[in-house]
Amino acid sequence: MSKTILCYGDSNTYGYIPENGMRYKKDIRYPGRLQLLLGDEYAVIEEGCNGRTTIYDDPIDGWKNGLDYLRPCLNSHKPVDIVTMMLGSNDLKDTFHLGAKDIARGAEKLLDVIIDFTGEKQGYVPKIILISPPEIGEGIKSSPFYGAFYEDAIERSREFPKYYSEVAERKGCIFLNAAEYIYPSEFDSLHLTAEGHGILAEKLCELIKKEVL
């Protein structure tokens, strides 16, 4: 029986193409690449949503709150053996006025839900890989998303690894610092290039084989 991996995230999990707003093909975006690398013994489920936050309601798209959808998502895909979670970039939007520490607390609340809900509904807690999101690029001022994100988001995004690693340690999760390996596209300073998706998939595959298998 194959093991189920749930990839929970935002537009970088969805596979948003920076240049045109479309979606990378399945074999390019990182969950699809991860599926190819791991093979048929694993079923990798993509649960990425453009604009998804950790626990905050977007004033325009309130349905993108990652907390609201998490329990239904876990329930519909159970039993889940591994959860990867990469959220927090959208929390850097100016509308929320949040620091990296606050955003990490939001991620921690999601981890609590994963742990409690799966323990109750499927009888065991999956291995959880908490991914600290990539940095906001230096060119954010020329990004199509400038206005939602400002220059101060760059420095706040660089603080993600510190606080996310602390959360992962508290909750007994596996930690991956995406910013160590990947950087957003020069076009919009937010979304991953095709190469970035491939690198992230490779690092996740290595981590799963080392820490989970």
C-alpha atoms as a PDB file:
ATOM      1  CA  MET A   1       0.000   0.000   0.000  1.00  0.00           C
ATOM      2  CA  SER A   2       1.400   3.392  -1.000  1.00  0.00           C
ATOM      3  CA  LYS A   3       2.111   6.112   1.536  1.00  0.00           C
ATOM      4  CA  THR A   4       0.230   9.390   1.157  1.00  0.00           C
ATOM      5  CA  ILE A   5       2.113  12.696   1.183  1.00  0.00           C
ATOM      6  CA  LEU A   6       0.028  15.856   1.488  1.00  0.00           C
ATOM      7  CA  CYS A   7       1.712  19.056   0.270  1.00  0.00           C
ATOM      8  CA  TYR A   8      -0.120  21.975   1.878  1.00  0.00           C
ATOM      9  CA  GLY A   9       0.814  25.444   0.732  1.00  0.00           C
ATOM     10  CA  ASP A  10       0.172  28.571  -1.277  1.00  0.00           C
ATOM     11  CA  SER A  11       0.860  29.628  -4.881  1.00  0.00           C
ATOM     12  CA  ASN A  12       4.362  28.150  -4.822  1.00  0.00           C
ATOM     13  CA  THR A  13       2.829  24.763  -4.041  1.00  0.00           C
ATOM     14  CA  TYR A  14       0.125  25.359  -6.651  1.00  0.00           C
ATOM     15  CA  GLY A  15       2.819  26.060  -9.233  1.00  0.00           C
ATOM     16  CA  TYR A  16       2.107  29.684 -10.179  1.00  0.00           C
ATOM     17  CA  ILE A  17       4.178  30.797 -13.191  1.00  0.00           C
ATOM     18  CA  PRO A  18       5.695  34.226 -12.409  1.00  0.00           C
ATOM     19  CA  GLU A  19       5.649  35.576 -15.952  1.00  0.00           C
ATOM     20  CA  ASN A  20       2.028  34.906 -16.865  1.00  0.00           C
ATOM     21  CA  GLY A  21       0.055  33.784 -13.801  1.00  0.00           C
ATOM     22  CA  MET A  22      -0.698  30.395 -15.308  1.00  0.00           C
ATOM     23  CA  ARG A  23       0.269  27.052 -13.764  1.00  0.00           C
ATOM     24  CA  TYR A  24       3.386  24.976 -14.358  1.00  0.00           C
ATOM     25  CA  LYS A  25       2.762  21.487 -15.707  1.00  0.00           C
ATOM     26  CA  LYS A  26       2.524  18.739 -13.120  1.00  0.00           C
ATOM     27  CA  ASP A  27       5.976  17.339 -13.869  1.00  0.00           C
ATOM     28  CA  ILE A  28       7.526  20.775 -13.265  1.00  0.00           C
ATOM     29  CA  ARG A  29       5.873  21.920 -10.034  1.00  0.00           C
ATOM     30  CA  TYR A  30       7.564  20.530  -6.960  1.00  0.00           C
ATOM     31  CA  PRO A  31       4.872  18.120  -5.681  1.00  0.00           C
ATOM     32  CA  GLY A  32       4.681  16.535  -9.130  1.00  0.00           C
ATOM     33  CA  ARG A  33       8.460  16.314  -9.344  1.00  0.00           C
ATOM     34  CA  LEU A  34       8.520  14.785  -5.870  1.00  0.00           C
ATOM     35  CA  GLN A  35       6.065  12.136  -7.053  1.00  0.00           C
ATOM     36  CA  LEU A  36       8.370  11.233  -9.950  1.00  0.00           C
ATOM     37  CA  LEU A  37      11.411  11.075  -7.672  1.00  0.00           C
ATOM     38  CA  LEU A  38       9.740   8.895  -5.026  1.00  0.00           C
ATOM     39  CA  GLY A  39       7.894   6.583  -7.392  1.00  0.00           C
ATOM     40  CA  ASP A  40       4.724   4.540  -7.135  1.00  0.00           C
ATOM     41  CA  GLU A  41       5.137   3.634  -3.468  1.00  0.00           C
ATOM     42  CA  TYR A  42       4.001   7.167  -2.670  1.00  0.00           C
ATOM     43  CA  ALA A  43       0.912   9.169  -3.580  1.00  0.00           C
ATOM     44  CA  VAL A  44       1.754  12.884  -3.518  1.00  0.00           C
ATOM     45  CA  ILE A  45      -1.307  15.115  -3.139  1.00  0.00           C
ATOM     46  CA  GLU A  46      -1.075  18.758  -4.184  1.00  0.00           C
ATOM     47  CA  GLU A  47      -2.995  21.188  -1.999  1.00  0.00           C
ATOM     48  CA  GLY A  48      -1.682  24.588  -3.059  1.00  0.00           C
ATOM     49  CA  CYS A  49      -3.872  27.692  -3.247  1.00  0.00           C
ATOM     50  CA  ASN A  50      -2.832  31.090  -4.576  1.00  0.00           C
ATOM     51  CA  GLY A  51      -2.874  33.664  -1.792  1.00  0.00           C
ATOM     52  CA  ARG A  52      -3.302  31.187   1.051  1.00  0.00           C
ATOM     53  CA  THR A  53      -2.269  32.523   4.463  1.00  0.00           C
ATOM     54  CA  THR A  54      -1.535  30.644   7.660  1.00  0.00           C
ATOM     55  CA  ILE A  55      -4.453  31.645   9.908  1.00  0.00           C
ATOM     56  CA  TYR A  56      -5.482  35.096   8.694  1.00  0.00           C
ATOM     57  CA  ASP A  57      -8.507  36.219   6.677  1.00  0.00           C
ATOM     58  CA  ASP A  58      -7.558  38.164   3.586  1.00  0.00           C
ATOM     59  CA  PRO A  59      -9.836  41.240   3.385  1.00  0.00           C
ATOM     60  CA  ILE A  60     -10.507  40.522  -0.302  1.00  0.00           C
ATOM     61  CA  ASP A  61     -10.373  36.727  -0.445  1.00  0.00           C
ATOM     62  CA  GLY A  62     -11.304  35.561   3.049  1.00  0.00           C
ATOM     63  CA  TRP A  63     -11.628  31.962   1.916  1.00  0.00           C
ATOM     64  CA  LYS A  64      -7.847  31.715   1.529  1.00  0.00           C
ATOM     65  CA  ASN A  65      -7.288  31.309   5.266  1.00  0.00           C
ATOM     66  CA  GLY A  66      -5.185  28.148   5.607  1.00  0.00           C
ATOM     67  CA  LEU A  67      -6.736  27.260   8.947  1.00  0.00           C
ATOM     68  CA  ASP A  68     -10.305  27.070   7.648  1.00  0.00           C
ATOM     69  CA  TYR A  69      -9.509  24.504   4.968  1.00  0.00           C
ATOM     70  CA  LEU A  70      -6.989  22.394   6.878  1.00  0.00           C
ATOM     71  CA  ARG A  71      -9.310  20.015   8.744  1.00  0.00           C
ATOM     72  CA  PRO A  72     -11.532  19.250   5.722  1.00  0.00           C
ATOM     73  CA  CYS A  73      -8.391  18.726   3.662  1.00  0.00           C
ATOM     74  CA  LEU A  74      -6.849  16.294   6.151  1.00  0.00           C
ATOM     75  CA  ASN A  75     -10.139  14.456   6.505  1.00  0.00           C
ATOM     76  CA  SER A  76     -10.729  14.026   2.777  1.00  0.00           C
ATOM     77  CA  HIS A  77      -7.264  12.615   2.151  1.00  0.00           C
ATOM     78  CA  LYS A  78      -6.847  10.431   5.232  1.00  0.00           C
ATOM     79  CA  PRO A  79      -4.971   8.330   6.036  1.00  0.00           C
ATOM     80  CA  VAL A  80      -2.089  10.750   5.527  1.00  0.00           C
ATOM     81  CA  ASP A  81       1.439   9.539   6.278  1.00  0.00           C
ATOM     82  CA  ILE A  82       3.483  12.688   5.614  1.00  0.00           C
ATOM     83  CA  VAL A  83       2.485  16.357   5.529  1.00  0.00           C
ATOM     84  CA  THR A  84       4.709  19.033   4.046  1.00  0.00           C
ATOM     85  CA  MET A  85       3.641  22.585   4.826  1.00  0.00           C
ATOM     86  CA  MET A  86       5.048  25.733   3.236  1.00  0.00           C
ATOM     87  CA  LEU A  87       2.992  28.787   4.182  1.00  0.00           C
ATOM     88  CA  GLY A  88       3.732  32.289   5.445  1.00  0.00           C
ATOM     89  CA  SER A  89       4.755  34.316   2.402  1.00  0.00           C
ATOM     90  CA  ASN A  90       1.289  35.812   1.942  1.00  0.00           C
ATOM     91  CA  ASP A  91       1.215  36.787   5.615  1.00  0.00           C
ATOM     92  CA  LEU A  92       3.950  39.289   4.699  1.00  0.00           C
ATOM     93  CA  LYS A  93       1.425  41.391   2.779  1.00  0.00           C
ATOM     94  CA  ASP A  94       1.218  44.954   4.058  1.00  0.00           C
ATOM     95  CA  THR A  95      -2.440  44.514   4.945  1.00  0.00           C
ATOM     96  CA  PHE A  96      -1.576  42.139   7.805  1.00  0.00           C
ATOM     97  CA  HIS A  97       1.269  44.115   9.460  1.00  0.00           C
ATOM     98  CA  LEU A  98       2.881  40.926  10.764  1.00  0.00           C
ATOM     99  CA  GLY A  99       6.442  40.120  11.755  1.00  0.00           C
ATOM    100  CA  ALA A 100       8.130  36.793  11.073  1.00  0.00           C
ATOM    101  CA  LYS A 101       7.640  35.690  14.679  1.00  0.00           C
ATOM    102  CA  ASP A 102       3.875  36.308  14.460  1.00  0.00           C
ATOM    103  CA  ILE A 103       3.686  34.436  11.169  1.00  0.00           C
ATOM    104  CA  ALA A 104       5.583  31.499  12.648  1.00  0.00           C
ATOM    105  CA  ARG A 105       3.006  31.404  15.449  1.00  0.00           C
ATOM    106  CA  GLY A 106       0.332  31.072  12.780  1.00  0.00           C
ATOM    107  CA  ALA A 107       2.225  28.156  11.262  1.00  0.00           C
ATOM    108  CA  GLU A 108       2.491  26.617  14.722  1.00  0.00           C
ATOM    109  CA  LYS A 109      -1.273  26.784  15.153  1.00  0.00           C
ATOM    110  CA  LEU A 110      -1.661  24.865  11.892  1.00  0.00           C
ATOM    111  CA  LEU A 111       0.764  22.227  13.141  1.00  0.00           C
ATOM    112  CA  ASP A 112      -1.305  21.865  16.307  1.00  0.00           C
ATOM    113  CA  VAL A 113      -4.376  21.235  14.161  1.00  0.00           C
ATOM    114  CA  ILE A 114      -2.569  18.633  12.066  1.00  0.00           C
ATOM    115  CA  ILE A 115      -1.325  16.830  15.157  1.00  0.00           C
ATOM    116  CA  ASP A 116      -4.611  16.886  17.075  1.00  0.00           C
ATOM    117  CA  PHE A 117      -6.948  16.246  14.154  1.00  0.00           C
ATOM    118  CA  THR A 118      -5.049  13.357  12.572  1.00  0.00           C
ATOM    119  CA  GLY A 119      -4.499  11.776  15.975  1.00  0.00           C
ATOM    120  CA  GLU A 120      -8.242  11.765  16.461  1.00  0.00           C
ATOM    121  CA  LYS A 121      -9.466  10.972  12.949  1.00  0.00           C
ATOM    122  CA  GLN A 122      -6.932   8.469  11.691  1.00  0.00           C
ATOM    123  CA  GLY A 123      -5.415   7.196  14.903  1.00  0.00           C
ATOM    124  CA  TYR A 124      -1.859   8.367  14.301  1.00  0.00           C
ATOM    125  CA  VAL A 125       0.001  11.584  13.535  1.00  0.00           C
ATOM    126  CA  PRO A 126       1.799  11.843  10.189  1.00  0.00           C
ATOM    127  CA  LYS A 127       5.405  12.877   9.881  1.00  0.00           C
ATOM    128  CA  ILE A 128       5.363  16.630   9.347  1.00  0.00           C
ATOM    129  CA  ILE A 129       7.915  18.606   7.337  1.00  0.00           C
ATOM    130  CA  LEU A 130       7.686  22.319   8.101  1.00  0.00           C
ATOM    131  CA  ILE A 131       9.194  24.311   5.239  1.00  0.00           C
ATOM    132  CA  SER A 132      10.356  27.840   5.915  1.00  0.00           C
ATOM    133  CA  PRO A 133       9.364  29.750   2.745  1.00  0.00           C
ATOM    134  CA  PRO A 134      11.873  31.307   0.342  1.00  0.00           C
ATOM    135  CA  GLU A 135      12.811  34.953   0.758  1.00  0.00           C
ATOM    136  CA  ILE A 136      10.983  37.803  -0.916  1.00  0.00           C
ATOM    137  CA  GLY A 137      13.226  38.938  -3.774  1.00  0.00           C
ATOM    138  CA  GLU A 138      15.228  42.167  -3.809  1.00  0.00           C
ATOM    139  CA  GLY A 139      13.311  43.362  -6.850  1.00  0.00           C
ATOM    140  CA  ILE A 140       9.898  43.482  -5.177  1.00  0.00           C
ATOM    141  CA  LYS A 141       9.560  47.185  -6.041  1.00  0.00           C
ATOM    142  CA  SER A 142       9.306  46.302  -9.740  1.00  0.00           C
ATOM    143  CA  SER A 143       7.062  43.279  -9.139  1.00  0.00           C
ATOM    144  CA  PRO A 144       3.453  43.152 -10.360  1.00  0.00           C
ATOM    145  CA  PHE A 145       2.651  42.432  -6.698  1.00  0.00           C
ATOM    146  CA  TYR A 146       4.215  45.628  -5.390  1.00  0.00           C
ATOM    147  CA  GLY A 147       1.563  47.377  -3.343  1.00  0.00           C
ATOM    148  CA  ALA A 148       0.508  44.153  -1.674  1.00  0.00           C
ATOM    149  CA  PHE A 149       4.150  43.593  -0.672  1.00  0.00           C
ATOM    150  CA  TYR A 150       6.623  46.353   0.095  1.00  0.00           C
ATOM    151  CA  GLU A 151      10.396  46.448   0.618  1.00  0.00           C
ATOM    152  CA  ASP A 152      10.109  45.726   4.339  1.00  0.00           C
ATOM    153  CA  ALA A 153       8.779  42.252   3.463  1.00  0.00           C
ATOM    154  CA  ILE A 154      12.261  41.304   2.256  1.00  0.00           C
ATOM    155  CA  GLU A 155      13.874  41.606   5.684  1.00  0.00           C
ATOM    156  CA  ARG A 156      10.932  39.980   7.453  1.00  0.00           C
ATOM    157  CA  SER A 157      11.106  37.007   5.093  1.00  0.00           C
ATOM    158  CA  ARG A 158      14.778  36.548   5.971  1.00  0.00           C
ATOM    159  CA  GLU A 159      13.770  35.985   9.588  1.00  0.00           C
ATOM    160  CA  PHE A 160      11.546  33.014   8.720  1.00  0.00           C
ATOM    161  CA  PRO A 161      14.226  30.301   9.222  1.00  0.00           C
ATOM    162  CA  LYS A 162      14.972  31.363  12.800  1.00  0.00           C
ATOM    163  CA  TYR A 163      11.367  31.281  13.979  1.00  0.00           C
ATOM    164  CA  TYR A 164      10.176  28.364  11.857  1.00  0.00           C
ATOM    165  CA  SER A 165      13.033  26.161  13.045  1.00  0.00           C
ATOM    166  CA  GLU A 166      12.084  26.952  16.648  1.00  0.00           C
ATOM    167  CA  VAL A 167       8.467  25.993  15.935  1.00  0.00           C
ATOM    168  CA  ALA A 168       9.542  22.748  14.257  1.00  0.00           C
ATOM    169  CA  GLU A 169      11.686  21.843  17.250  1.00  0.00           C
ATOM    170  CA  ARG A 170       8.870  22.556  19.722  1.00  0.00           C
ATOM    171  CA  LYS A 171       6.413  20.417  17.774  1.00  0.00           C
ATOM    172  CA  GLY A 172       8.740  17.562  16.929  1.00  0.00           C
ATOM    173  CA  CYS A 173       8.596  18.252  13.191  1.00  0.00           C
ATOM    174  CA  ILE A 174      11.230  17.937  10.495  1.00  0.00           C
ATOM    175  CA  PHE A 175      12.499  21.346   9.341  1.00  0.00           C
ATOM    176  CA  LEU A 176      13.553  22.475   5.874  1.00  0.00           C
ATOM    177  CA  ASN A 177      14.809  25.982   5.139  1.00  0.00           C
ATOM    178  CA  ALA A 178      13.794  26.530   1.512  1.00  0.00           C
ATOM    179  CA  ALA A 179      15.756  29.793   1.316  1.00  0.00           C
ATOM    180  CA  GLU A 180      18.965  27.796   1.664  1.00  0.00           C
ATOM    181  CA  TYR A 181      18.399  26.278  -1.754  1.00  0.00           C
ATOM    182  CA  ILE A 182      15.967  28.383  -3.784  1.00  0.00           C
ATOM    183  CA  TYR A 183      15.201  32.024  -4.566  1.00  0.00           C
ATOM    184  CA  PRO A 184      12.134  33.542  -6.254  1.00  0.00           C
ATOM    185  CA  SER A 185      12.116  34.582  -9.895  1.00  0.00           C
ATOM    186  CA  GLU A 186      13.546  37.949 -10.878  1.00  0.00           C
ATOM    187  CA  PHE A 187      10.281  38.710 -12.671  1.00  0.00           C
ATOM    188  CA  ASP A 188       8.053  39.042  -9.607  1.00  0.00           C
ATOM    189  CA  SER A 189      10.334  38.391  -6.589  1.00  0.00           C
ATOM    190  CA  LEU A 190       7.729  35.996  -5.151  1.00  0.00           C
ATOM    191  CA  HIS A 191       7.219  32.870  -7.207  1.00  0.00           C
ATOM    192  CA  LEU A 192       9.572  30.032  -7.963  1.00  0.00           C
ATOM    193  CA  THR A 193      11.185  29.361 -11.294  1.00  0.00           C
ATOM    194  CA  ALA A 194      10.871  25.922 -12.880  1.00  0.00           C
ATOM    195  CA  GLU A 195      14.433  25.258 -11.711  1.00  0.00           C
ATOM    196  CA  GLY A 196      13.473  26.244  -8.158  1.00  0.00           C
ATOM    197  CA  HIS A 197      10.620  23.738  -8.165  1.00  0.00           C
ATOM    198  CA  GLY A 198      13.009  21.001  -9.244  1.00  0.00           C
ATOM    199  CA  ILE A 199      15.537  21.834  -6.536  1.00  0.00           C
ATOM    200  CA  LEU A 200      12.876  21.934  -3.817  1.00  0.00           C
ATOM    201  CA  ALA A 201      11.551  18.549  -4.940  1.00  0.00           C
ATOM    202  CA  GLU A 202      15.040  17.060  -4.780  1.00  0.00           C
ATOM    203  CA  LYS A 203      15.662  18.426  -1.282  1.00  0.00           C
ATOM    204  CA  LEU A 204      12.300  17.137  -0.054  1.00  0.00           C
ATOM    205  CA  CYS A 205      13.003  13.736  -1.561  1.00  0.00           C
ATOM    206  CA  GLU A 206      16.378  13.570   0.190  1.00  0.00           C
ATOM    207  CA  LEU A 207      14.795  14.609   3.466  1.00  0.00           C
ATOM    208  CA  ILE A 208      11.983  12.060   3.222  1.00  0.00           C
ATOM    209  CA  LYS A 209      14.386   9.236   2.435  1.00  0.00           C
ATOM    210  CA  LYS A 210      16.706  10.274   5.267  1.00  0.00           C
ATOM    211  CA  GLU A 211      14.277  11.262   8.004  1.00  0.00           C
ATOM    212  CA  VAL A 212      11.060   9.356   7.269  1.00  0.00           C
ATOM    213  CA  LEU A 213      11.913   6.055   5.586  1.00  0.00           C
END
